[in-house]
């Protein structure tokens, strides 16, 4: 605890490096490292409900045994690069996300974070009740970013996920949420994600780059100008209807990924060359 407090009170990076180097060369380091490891690997970090509890609370006290620290004292160490490199895990990333949300909650000009953004970013967290993968995050919405979703534990899990999907389609006016369903869809509903599924490989999926949590400007991308999606859902048959536009005919198609062995890799230089050849190239630098 003493080291963590001194680390927080030291704002100069070089002095923090000196403190860290002194700690890891001390005779107590082996014991301290094991204790940090236990804290980082604790199941507390994996629960979805702690997000609201830590983000919204004015004063957060972290306690382990007889030791206790304020969150604001502990989190600078978790953000410290050498600490993350040594104990790097989902817990340190999660702590960074929580601190980001705490800062946003107090910001004068906050990032427009919707319920979809929160649920997507927290999809790897666990919950005893599957419905809380949605409901536990409602308290994070700032005024002006309210959702029509409201807690109703009388509904089945499937009904809650379907209702959430439709709410996102209506409120965000994009089809982004539909891109989260492949490989993690509800049984018999190809267009709705089962939010109980956490290990879906989406970390390497293109949707990661279009997360509105980090890139709110991606809301502006629309191939049909100012038009908005037309959506009609028949929940009894679990059919989603959307209106399309006849824009033209696809003449050729190219690959999105380059396969190296069994691992698809997005090598942008190679991909652009592949697309150029697909479209009739290669061309010279002076070509239109």
C-alpha atoms as a PDB file:
ATOM      1  CA  UNK A   1       0.000   0.000   0.000  1.00  0.00           C
ATOM      2  CA  UNK A   2       2.812   2.409   0.841  1.00  0.00           C
ATOM      3  CA  UNK A   3       4.458   1.883  -2.525  1.00  0.00           C
ATOM      4  CA  UNK A   4       1.163   2.367  -4.413  1.00  0.00           C
ATOM      5  CA  UNK A   5       0.508   5.630  -2.575  1.00  0.00           C
ATOM      6  CA  UNK A   6       4.027   6.930  -3.257  1.00  0.00           C
ATOM      7  CA  UNK A   7       3.670   5.911  -6.891  1.00  0.00           C
ATOM      8  CA  UNK A   8       0.399   7.867  -7.231  1.00  0.00           C
ATOM      9  CA  UNK A   9       1.934  10.941  -5.568  1.00  0.00           C
ATOM     10  CA  UNK A  10       4.892  10.871  -7.984  1.00  0.00           C
ATOM     11  CA  UNK A  11       3.806  12.612 -11.164  1.00  0.00           C
ATOM     12  CA  UNK A  12       7.178  12.755 -12.974  1.00  0.00           C
ATOM     13  CA  UNK A  13       7.702   9.717 -15.215  1.00  0.00           C
ATOM     14  CA  UNK A  14      11.433   9.416 -14.469  1.00  0.00           C
ATOM     15  CA  UNK A  15      10.744   9.365 -10.730  1.00  0.00           C
ATOM     16  CA  UNK A  16       8.108   6.675 -11.216  1.00  0.00           C
ATOM     17  CA  UNK A  17      10.628   4.624 -13.193  1.00  0.00           C
ATOM     18  CA  UNK A  18      13.071   4.972 -10.308  1.00  0.00           C
ATOM     19  CA  UNK A  19      10.444   3.862  -7.780  1.00  0.00           C
ATOM     20  CA  UNK A  20       9.511   0.873  -9.929  1.00  0.00           C
ATOM     21  CA  UNK A  21      13.133  -0.178 -10.466  1.00  0.00           C
ATOM     22  CA  UNK A  22      13.788   0.068  -6.705  1.00  0.00           C
ATOM     23  CA  UNK A  23      10.715  -2.068  -5.959  1.00  0.00           C
ATOM     24  CA  UNK A  24      11.523  -4.928  -8.355  1.00  0.00           C
ATOM     25  CA  UNK A  25      15.107  -5.105  -7.072  1.00  0.00           C
ATOM     26  CA  UNK A  26      14.063  -5.267  -3.421  1.00  0.00           C
ATOM     27  CA  UNK A  27      14.097  -8.432  -1.327  1.00  0.00           C
ATOM     28  CA  UNK A  28      10.311  -8.289  -0.942  1.00  0.00           C
ATOM     29  CA  UNK A  29       9.663  -8.216  -4.683  1.00  0.00           C
ATOM     30  CA  UNK A  30       8.901 -11.933  -5.061  1.00  0.00           C
ATOM     31  CA  UNK A  31       6.144 -11.741  -2.445  1.00  0.00           C
ATOM     32  CA  UNK A  32       4.826  -8.417  -3.801  1.00  0.00           C
ATOM     33  CA  UNK A  33       4.766  -9.757  -7.348  1.00  0.00           C
ATOM     34  CA  UNK A  34       2.755 -12.801  -6.273  1.00  0.00           C
ATOM     35  CA  UNK A  35       0.281 -10.530  -4.481  1.00  0.00           C
ATOM     36  CA  UNK A  36      -0.120  -8.276  -7.521  1.00  0.00           C
ATOM     37  CA  UNK A  37      -0.697 -11.401  -9.594  1.00  0.00           C
ATOM     38  CA  UNK A  38      -3.454 -12.576  -7.237  1.00  0.00           C
ATOM     39  CA  UNK A  39      -5.161  -9.189  -7.418  1.00  0.00           C
ATOM     40  CA  UNK A  40      -4.978  -9.035 -11.223  1.00  0.00           C
ATOM     41  CA  UNK A  41      -6.316 -12.584 -11.647  1.00  0.00           C
ATOM     42  CA  UNK A  42      -9.183 -12.188  -9.157  1.00  0.00           C
ATOM     43  CA  UNK A  43     -12.633 -13.005 -10.511  1.00  0.00           C
ATOM     44  CA  UNK A  44     -13.902  -9.566  -9.421  1.00  0.00           C
ATOM     45  CA  UNK A  45     -12.547  -8.066 -12.644  1.00  0.00           C
ATOM     46  CA  UNK A  46     -14.619 -10.396 -14.814  1.00  0.00           C
ATOM     47  CA  UNK A  47     -18.060  -9.369 -13.535  1.00  0.00           C
ATOM     48  CA  UNK A  48     -20.242  -7.010 -15.534  1.00  0.00           C
ATOM     49  CA  UNK A  49     -21.940  -5.403 -12.528  1.00  0.00           C
ATOM     50  CA  UNK A  50     -18.695  -3.939 -11.177  1.00  0.00           C
ATOM     51  CA  UNK A  51     -18.498  -1.576 -14.154  1.00  0.00           C
ATOM     52  CA  UNK A  52     -21.449   0.506 -12.996  1.00  0.00           C
ATOM     53  CA  UNK A  53     -20.422   0.168  -9.353  1.00  0.00           C
ATOM     54  CA  UNK A  54     -16.958   1.617 -10.000  1.00  0.00           C
ATOM     55  CA  UNK A  55     -17.781   4.130 -12.737  1.00  0.00           C
ATOM     56  CA  UNK A  56     -20.762   5.834 -11.102  1.00  0.00           C
ATOM     57  CA  UNK A  57     -19.575   5.840  -7.473  1.00  0.00           C
ATOM     58  CA  UNK A  58     -17.993   9.048  -6.218  1.00  0.00           C
ATOM     59  CA  UNK A  59     -15.715   7.181  -3.827  1.00  0.00           C
ATOM     60  CA  UNK A  60     -14.463   3.666  -4.660  1.00  0.00           C
ATOM     61  CA  UNK A  61     -12.579   1.702  -2.011  1.00  0.00           C
ATOM     62  CA  UNK A  62     -10.647  -1.419  -3.060  1.00  0.00           C
ATOM     63  CA  UNK A  63     -10.061  -3.812  -0.166  1.00  0.00           C
ATOM     64  CA  UNK A  64      -8.064  -7.034   0.063  1.00  0.00           C
ATOM     65  CA  UNK A  65      -7.759  -8.558   3.531  1.00  0.00           C
ATOM     66  CA  UNK A  66      -6.839  -5.779   5.930  1.00  0.00           C
ATOM     67  CA  UNK A  67      -5.380  -3.555   3.197  1.00  0.00           C
ATOM     68  CA  UNK A  68      -7.502  -0.956   1.444  1.00  0.00           C
ATOM     69  CA  UNK A  69      -6.889   1.720  -1.171  1.00  0.00           C
ATOM     70  CA  UNK A  70      -8.945   4.275  -3.043  1.00  0.00           C
ATOM     71  CA  UNK A  71      -9.454   3.433  -6.707  1.00  0.00           C
ATOM     72  CA  UNK A  72      -7.920   6.782  -7.670  1.00  0.00           C
ATOM     73  CA  UNK A  73      -4.738   5.778  -5.831  1.00  0.00           C
ATOM     74  CA  UNK A  74      -4.531   2.303  -7.358  1.00  0.00           C
ATOM     75  CA  UNK A  75      -5.413   2.991 -10.992  1.00  0.00           C
ATOM     76  CA  UNK A  76      -2.266   5.035 -11.935  1.00  0.00           C
ATOM     77  CA  UNK A  77      -0.150   1.932 -11.227  1.00  0.00           C
ATOM     78  CA  UNK A  78      -2.444  -0.166 -13.438  1.00  0.00           C
ATOM     79  CA  UNK A  79      -1.938   2.380 -16.242  1.00  0.00           C
ATOM     80  CA  UNK A  80       1.862   2.284 -15.862  1.00  0.00           C
ATOM     81  CA  UNK A  81       3.442   0.613 -18.918  1.00  0.00           C
ATOM     82  CA  UNK A  82       6.058  -1.552 -17.085  1.00  0.00           C
ATOM     83  CA  UNK A  83       3.303  -2.817 -14.764  1.00  0.00           C
ATOM     84  CA  UNK A  84       1.085  -3.677 -17.730  1.00  0.00           C
ATOM     85  CA  UNK A  85       3.969  -5.409 -19.502  1.00  0.00           C
ATOM     86  CA  UNK A  86       4.677  -7.531 -16.434  1.00  0.00           C
ATOM     87  CA  UNK A  87       1.090  -8.288 -15.420  1.00  0.00           C
ATOM     88  CA  UNK A  88      -0.546  -7.541 -18.770  1.00  0.00           C
ATOM     89  CA  UNK A  89      -3.961  -9.126 -18.859  1.00  0.00           C
ATOM     90  CA  UNK A  90      -7.580  -8.346 -19.553  1.00  0.00           C
ATOM     91  CA  UNK A  91      -7.737  -6.934 -16.025  1.00  0.00           C
ATOM     92  CA  UNK A  92      -5.319  -4.069 -16.724  1.00  0.00           C
ATOM     93  CA  UNK A  93      -7.136  -3.288 -19.985  1.00  0.00           C
ATOM     94  CA  UNK A  94     -10.429  -3.428 -18.122  1.00  0.00           C
ATOM     95  CA  UNK A  95      -9.126  -1.047 -15.465  1.00  0.00           C
ATOM     96  CA  UNK A  96      -8.146   1.389 -18.210  1.00  0.00           C
ATOM     97  CA  UNK A  97     -11.641   1.214 -19.717  1.00  0.00           C
ATOM     98  CA  UNK A  98     -13.243   1.817 -16.330  1.00  0.00           C
ATOM     99  CA  UNK A  99     -11.073   4.867 -15.737  1.00  0.00           C
ATOM    100  CA  UNK A 100     -11.940   6.159 -19.200  1.00  0.00           C
ATOM    101  CA  UNK A 101     -15.642   5.897 -18.359  1.00  0.00           C
ATOM    102  CA  UNK A 102     -15.134   7.599 -14.992  1.00  0.00           C
ATOM    103  CA  UNK A 103     -13.416  10.486 -16.761  1.00  0.00           C
ATOM    104  CA  UNK A 104     -16.157  10.671 -19.398  1.00  0.00           C
ATOM    105  CA  UNK A 105     -18.844  10.815 -16.738  1.00  0.00           C
ATOM    106  CA  UNK A 106     -17.309  14.041 -15.400  1.00  0.00           C
ATOM    107  CA  UNK A 107     -16.328  15.538 -18.772  1.00  0.00           C
ATOM    108  CA  UNK A 108     -17.933  18.777 -19.944  1.00  0.00           C
ATOM    109  CA  UNK A 109     -18.042  17.501 -23.546  1.00  0.00           C
ATOM    110  CA  UNK A 110     -18.359  13.719 -23.215  1.00  0.00           C
ATOM    111  CA  UNK A 111     -18.027  11.253 -26.072  1.00  0.00           C
ATOM    112  CA  UNK A 112     -21.523  10.178 -27.238  1.00  0.00           C
ATOM    113  CA  UNK A 113     -21.485   6.627 -25.855  1.00  0.00           C
ATOM    114  CA  UNK A 114     -24.684   4.633 -26.417  1.00  0.00           C
ATOM    115  CA  UNK A 115     -25.967   1.500 -24.711  1.00  0.00           C
ATOM    116  CA  UNK A 116     -24.765  -0.514 -27.706  1.00  0.00           C
ATOM    117  CA  UNK A 117     -21.254   0.887 -27.268  1.00  0.00           C
ATOM    118  CA  UNK A 118     -21.219  -0.138 -23.597  1.00  0.00           C
ATOM    119  CA  UNK A 119     -22.597  -3.626 -24.216  1.00  0.00           C
ATOM    120  CA  UNK A 120     -20.195  -4.289 -27.086  1.00  0.00           C
ATOM    121  CA  UNK A 121     -17.158  -3.083 -25.150  1.00  0.00           C
ATOM    122  CA  UNK A 122     -18.151  -5.183 -22.108  1.00  0.00           C
ATOM    123  CA  UNK A 123     -19.112  -8.341 -23.987  1.00  0.00           C
ATOM    124  CA  UNK A 124     -16.298 -10.347 -22.355  1.00  0.00           C
ATOM    125  CA  UNK A 125     -17.626  -9.714 -18.833  1.00  0.00           C
ATOM    126  CA  UNK A 126     -19.666 -12.396 -17.095  1.00  0.00           C
ATOM    127  CA  UNK A 127     -23.011 -12.241 -15.313  1.00  0.00           C
ATOM    128  CA  UNK A 128     -25.035 -14.720 -13.260  1.00  0.00           C
ATOM    129  CA  UNK A 129     -28.169 -13.609 -15.109  1.00  0.00           C
ATOM    130  CA  UNK A 130     -27.653 -13.319 -18.856  1.00  0.00           C
ATOM    131  CA  UNK A 131     -30.078 -10.381 -18.947  1.00  0.00           C
ATOM    132  CA  UNK A 132     -27.598  -8.362 -16.875  1.00  0.00           C
ATOM    133  CA  UNK A 133     -25.204  -8.322 -19.818  1.00  0.00           C
ATOM    134  CA  UNK A 134     -27.581  -5.561 -20.965  1.00  0.00           C
ATOM    135  CA  UNK A 135     -29.331  -4.278 -17.860  1.00  0.00           C
ATOM    136  CA  UNK A 136     -26.195  -3.851 -15.716  1.00  0.00           C
ATOM    137  CA  UNK A 137     -24.936  -1.142 -18.075  1.00  0.00           C
ATOM    138  CA  UNK A 138     -28.033   1.075 -18.270  1.00  0.00           C
ATOM    139  CA  UNK A 139     -26.812   3.156 -15.348  1.00  0.00           C
ATOM    140  CA  UNK A 140     -23.794   4.295 -17.364  1.00  0.00           C
ATOM    141  CA  UNK A 141     -25.852   6.299 -19.847  1.00  0.00           C
ATOM    142  CA  UNK A 142     -25.583  10.035 -19.490  1.00  0.00           C
ATOM    143  CA  UNK A 143     -28.658  12.274 -19.829  1.00  0.00           C
ATOM    144  CA  UNK A 144     -29.409  12.691 -23.499  1.00  0.00           C
ATOM    145  CA  UNK A 145     -28.224   9.187 -24.347  1.00  0.00           C
ATOM    146  CA  UNK A 146     -31.132   7.297 -22.875  1.00  0.00           C
ATOM    147  CA  UNK A 147     -32.378   4.052 -24.400  1.00  0.00           C
ATOM    148  CA  UNK A 148     -35.864   2.632 -24.710  1.00  0.00           C
ATOM    149  CA  UNK A 149     -34.488  -0.552 -23.115  1.00  0.00           C
ATOM    150  CA  UNK A 150     -35.608  -0.931 -19.511  1.00  0.00           C
ATOM    151  CA  UNK A 151     -35.134  -3.843 -17.086  1.00  0.00           C
ATOM    152  CA  UNK A 152     -37.842  -6.502 -17.340  1.00  0.00           C
ATOM    153  CA  UNK A 153     -36.784  -9.757 -15.701  1.00  0.00           C
ATOM    154  CA  UNK A 154     -40.073 -11.408 -16.626  1.00  0.00           C
ATOM    155  CA  UNK A 155     -38.832 -11.698 -20.215  1.00  0.00           C
ATOM    156  CA  UNK A 156     -36.827 -14.659 -21.424  1.00  0.00           C
ATOM    157  CA  UNK A 157     -33.149 -14.192 -22.260  1.00  0.00           C
ATOM    158  CA  UNK A 158     -33.894 -14.512 -25.985  1.00  0.00           C
ATOM    159  CA  UNK A 159     -36.609 -11.858 -25.761  1.00  0.00           C
ATOM    160  CA  UNK A 160     -34.255  -9.463 -23.967  1.00  0.00           C
ATOM    161  CA  UNK A 161     -31.519  -9.886 -26.570  1.00  0.00           C
ATOM    162  CA  UNK A 162     -33.995  -9.492 -29.429  1.00  0.00           C
ATOM    163  CA  UNK A 163     -35.476  -6.354 -27.873  1.00  0.00           C
ATOM    164  CA  UNK A 164     -31.991  -4.919 -27.329  1.00  0.00           C
ATOM    165  CA  UNK A 165     -31.024  -5.598 -30.953  1.00  0.00           C
ATOM    166  CA  UNK A 166     -34.139  -3.862 -32.259  1.00  0.00           C
ATOM    167  CA  UNK A 167     -33.567  -0.920 -29.926  1.00  0.00           C
ATOM    168  CA  UNK A 168     -30.021  -0.513 -31.267  1.00  0.00           C
ATOM    169  CA  UNK A 169     -31.241  -0.668 -34.866  1.00  0.00           C
ATOM    170  CA  UNK A 170     -33.869   1.986 -34.192  1.00  0.00           C
ATOM    171  CA  UNK A 171     -31.763   4.298 -32.016  1.00  0.00           C
ATOM    172  CA  UNK A 172     -28.367   4.130 -33.741  1.00  0.00           C
ATOM    173  CA  UNK A 173     -29.793   4.076 -37.307  1.00  0.00           C
ATOM    174  CA  UNK A 174     -27.042   1.705 -38.443  1.00  0.00           C
ATOM    175  CA  UNK A 175     -26.760  -2.045 -39.003  1.00  0.00           C
ATOM    176  CA  UNK A 176     -23.548  -2.311 -36.983  1.00  0.00           C
ATOM    177  CA  UNK A 177     -25.094  -4.577 -34.363  1.00  0.00           C
ATOM    178  CA  UNK A 178     -26.012  -7.116 -37.046  1.00  0.00           C
ATOM    179  CA  UNK A 179     -22.303  -7.610 -37.740  1.00  0.00           C
ATOM    180  CA  UNK A 180     -21.890  -9.007 -34.219  1.00  0.00           C
ATOM    181  CA  UNK A 181     -24.228 -11.972 -34.761  1.00  0.00           C
ATOM    182  CA  UNK A 182     -22.119 -14.273 -37.007  1.00  0.00           C
ATOM    183  CA  UNK A 183     -20.403 -17.002 -34.943  1.00  0.00           C
ATOM    184  CA  UNK A 184     -22.408 -15.921 -31.880  1.00  0.00           C
ATOM    185  CA  UNK A 185     -26.041 -15.861 -33.008  1.00  0.00           C
ATOM    186  CA  UNK A 186     -29.047 -16.916 -30.982  1.00  0.00           C
ATOM    187  CA  UNK A 187     -30.348 -20.350 -31.868  1.00  0.00           C
ATOM    188  CA  UNK A 188     -32.478 -19.953 -34.971  1.00  0.00           C
ATOM    189  CA  UNK A 189     -31.985 -16.161 -35.185  1.00  0.00           C
ATOM    190  CA  UNK A 190     -29.106 -15.357 -37.533  1.00  0.00           C
ATOM    191  CA  UNK A 191     -29.423 -11.578 -37.058  1.00  0.00           C
ATOM    192  CA  UNK A 192     -29.353 -11.417 -33.243  1.00  0.00           C
ATOM    193  CA  UNK A 193     -26.252 -11.951 -31.140  1.00  0.00           C
ATOM    194  CA  UNK A 194     -26.341 -14.196 -28.088  1.00  0.00           C
ATOM    195  CA  UNK A 195     -24.596 -11.916 -25.587  1.00  0.00           C
ATOM    196  CA  UNK A 196     -23.846 -14.871 -23.304  1.00  0.00           C
ATOM    197  CA  UNK A 197     -21.118 -15.886 -25.755  1.00  0.00           C
ATOM    198  CA  UNK A 198     -17.848 -14.195 -24.820  1.00  0.00           C
ATOM    199  CA  UNK A 199     -15.141 -16.079 -26.721  1.00  0.00           C
ATOM    200  CA  UNK A 200     -16.207 -15.400 -30.306  1.00  0.00           C
ATOM    201  CA  UNK A 201     -12.913 -14.263 -31.833  1.00  0.00           C
ATOM    202  CA  UNK A 202     -14.219 -10.757 -32.511  1.00  0.00           C
ATOM    203  CA  UNK A 203     -10.923  -9.304 -31.358  1.00  0.00           C
ATOM    204  CA  UNK A 204      -9.623 -10.033 -34.860  1.00  0.00           C
ATOM    205  CA  UNK A 205     -12.843  -9.139 -36.634  1.00  0.00           C
ATOM    206  CA  UNK A 206     -13.231  -5.945 -38.713  1.00  0.00           C
ATOM    207  CA  UNK A 207     -16.028  -4.796 -36.396  1.00  0.00           C
ATOM    208  CA  UNK A 208     -13.295  -3.971 -33.867  1.00  0.00           C
ATOM    209  CA  UNK A 209     -12.147  -1.144 -36.112  1.00  0.00           C
ATOM    210  CA  UNK A 210     -15.652   0.262 -36.451  1.00  0.00           C
ATOM    211  CA  UNK A 211     -16.565   0.250 -32.772  1.00  0.00           C
ATOM    212  CA  UNK A 212     -18.397   3.503 -32.160  1.00  0.00           C
ATOM    213  CA  UNK A 213     -17.033   3.428 -28.601  1.00  0.00           C
ATOM    214  CA  UNK A 214     -13.624   4.474 -29.925  1.00  0.00           C
ATOM    215  CA  UNK A 215     -14.635   5.967 -33.289  1.00  0.00           C
ATOM    216  CA  UNK A 216     -17.898   7.889 -32.918  1.00  0.00           C
ATOM    217  CA  UNK A 217     -17.356   9.488 -36.331  1.00  0.00           C
ATOM    218  CA  UNK A 218     -18.020   6.127 -38.016  1.00  0.00           C
ATOM    219  CA  UNK A 219     -21.722   6.872 -37.600  1.00  0.00           C
ATOM    220  CA  UNK A 220     -21.324   9.096 -40.661  1.00  0.00           C
ATOM    221  CA  UNK A 221     -20.446   6.234 -43.011  1.00  0.00           C
ATOM    222  CA  UNK A 222     -23.507   5.492 -45.142  1.00  0.00           C
ATOM    223  CA  UNK A 223     -23.535   4.277 -48.747  1.00  0.00           C
ATOM    224  CA  UNK A 224     -26.981   5.728 -49.371  1.00  0.00           C
ATOM    225  CA  UNK A 225     -26.453   9.330 -48.352  1.00  0.00           C
ATOM    226  CA  UNK A 226     -28.972  10.724 -45.906  1.00  0.00           C
ATOM    227  CA  UNK A 227     -31.298   7.716 -45.949  1.00  0.00           C
ATOM    228  CA  UNK A 228     -31.908   5.726 -42.759  1.00  0.00           C
ATOM    229  CA  UNK A 229     -32.514   1.986 -42.473  1.00  0.00           C
ATOM    230  CA  UNK A 230     -36.059   0.726 -42.837  1.00  0.00           C
ATOM    231  CA  UNK A 231     -36.576  -2.071 -40.313  1.00  0.00           C
ATOM    232  CA  UNK A 232     -39.519  -4.347 -39.612  1.00  0.00           C
ATOM    233  CA  UNK A 233     -39.298  -7.251 -37.192  1.00  0.00           C
ATOM    234  CA  UNK A 234     -41.715 -10.141 -36.741  1.00  0.00           C
ATOM    235  CA  UNK A 235     -40.739 -11.442 -33.329  1.00  0.00           C
ATOM    236  CA  UNK A 236     -43.177 -14.348 -33.382  1.00  0.00           C
ATOM    237  CA  UNK A 237     -41.371 -15.770 -36.422  1.00  0.00           C
ATOM    238  CA  UNK A 238     -38.048 -14.070 -35.535  1.00  0.00           C
ATOM    239  CA  UNK A 239     -37.751 -12.590 -38.997  1.00  0.00           C
ATOM    240  CA  UNK A 240     -36.083  -9.235 -39.615  1.00  0.00           C
ATOM    241  CA  UNK A 241     -37.023  -7.355 -42.765  1.00  0.00           C
ATOM    242  CA  UNK A 242     -34.979  -4.481 -44.174  1.00  0.00           C
ATOM    243  CA  UNK A 243     -35.463  -2.397 -47.282  1.00  0.00           C
ATOM    244  CA  UNK A 244     -32.671  -2.450 -49.831  1.00  0.00           C
ATOM    245  CA  UNK A 245     -31.634  -0.260 -52.742  1.00  0.00           C
ATOM    246  CA  UNK A 246     -30.694  -1.413 -56.226  1.00  0.00           C
ATOM    247  CA  UNK A 247     -27.377   0.387 -56.604  1.00  0.00           C
ATOM    248  CA  UNK A 248     -25.773  -1.718 -59.317  1.00  0.00           C
ATOM    249  CA  UNK A 249     -24.166  -5.055 -60.033  1.00  0.00           C
ATOM    250  CA  UNK A 250     -20.940  -6.394 -58.514  1.00  0.00           C
ATOM    251  CA  UNK A 251     -18.553  -6.977 -61.392  1.00  0.00           C
ATOM    252  CA  UNK A 252     -15.712  -8.656 -59.530  1.00  0.00           C
ATOM    253  CA  UNK A 253     -14.799  -9.567 -56.020  1.00  0.00           C
ATOM    254  CA  UNK A 254     -11.444  -9.717 -54.274  1.00  0.00           C
ATOM    255  CA  UNK A 255     -10.078 -11.113 -51.047  1.00  0.00           C
ATOM    256  CA  UNK A 256     -10.246  -9.123 -47.825  1.00  0.00           C
ATOM    257  CA  UNK A 257      -7.539 -11.072 -46.009  1.00  0.00           C
ATOM    258  CA  UNK A 258      -4.211 -12.566 -46.987  1.00  0.00           C
ATOM    259  CA  UNK A 259      -3.711 -16.087 -45.670  1.00  0.00           C
ATOM    260  CA  UNK A 260      -0.331 -16.852 -44.108  1.00  0.00           C
ATOM    261  CA  UNK A 261      -0.507 -20.551 -43.332  1.00  0.00           C
ATOM    262  CA  UNK A 262      -3.784 -21.040 -41.459  1.00  0.00           C
ATOM    263  CA  UNK A 263      -3.872 -17.484 -40.120  1.00  0.00           C
ATOM    264  CA  UNK A 264      -5.665 -14.699 -42.014  1.00  0.00           C
ATOM    265  CA  UNK A 265      -3.705 -11.442 -41.860  1.00  0.00           C
ATOM    266  CA  UNK A 266      -4.725  -7.954 -42.957  1.00  0.00           C
ATOM    267  CA  UNK A 267      -1.563  -6.771 -44.684  1.00  0.00           C
ATOM    268  CA  UNK A 268      -2.856  -3.514 -46.118  1.00  0.00           C
ATOM    269  CA  UNK A 269      -0.042  -3.110 -48.634  1.00  0.00           C
ATOM    270  CA  UNK A 270      -0.686  -6.534 -50.151  1.00  0.00           C
ATOM    271  CA  UNK A 271      -4.436  -6.071 -49.980  1.00  0.00           C
ATOM    272  CA  UNK A 272      -4.336  -2.788 -51.880  1.00  0.00           C
ATOM    273  CA  UNK A 273      -2.199  -4.427 -54.564  1.00  0.00           C
ATOM    274  CA  UNK A 274      -4.686  -7.315 -54.758  1.00  0.00           C
ATOM    275  CA  UNK A 275      -7.597  -4.895 -55.098  1.00  0.00           C
ATOM    276  CA  UNK A 276      -5.730  -2.972 -57.764  1.00  0.00           C
ATOM    277  CA  UNK A 277      -5.234  -6.155 -59.797  1.00  0.00           C
ATOM    278  CA  UNK A 278      -8.903  -7.130 -59.235  1.00  0.00           C
ATOM    279  CA  UNK A 279      -9.984  -3.756 -60.649  1.00  0.00           C
ATOM    280  CA  UNK A 280      -7.788  -4.112 -63.754  1.00  0.00           C
ATOM    281  CA  UNK A 281      -4.400  -2.870 -62.542  1.00  0.00           C
ATOM    282  CA  UNK A 282      -1.613  -2.579 -61.739  1.00  0.00           C
ATOM    283  CA  UNK A 283      -1.309   1.065 -62.734  1.00  0.00           C
ATOM    284  CA  UNK A 284       1.523   3.575 -62.683  1.00  0.00           C
ATOM    285  CA  UNK A 285       1.764   6.261 -60.012  1.00  0.00           C
ATOM    286  CA  UNK A 286       0.721   8.897 -62.552  1.00  0.00           C
ATOM    287  CA  UNK A 287      -2.431   7.001 -63.531  1.00  0.00           C
ATOM    288  CA  UNK A 288      -5.893   8.341 -62.707  1.00  0.00           C
END
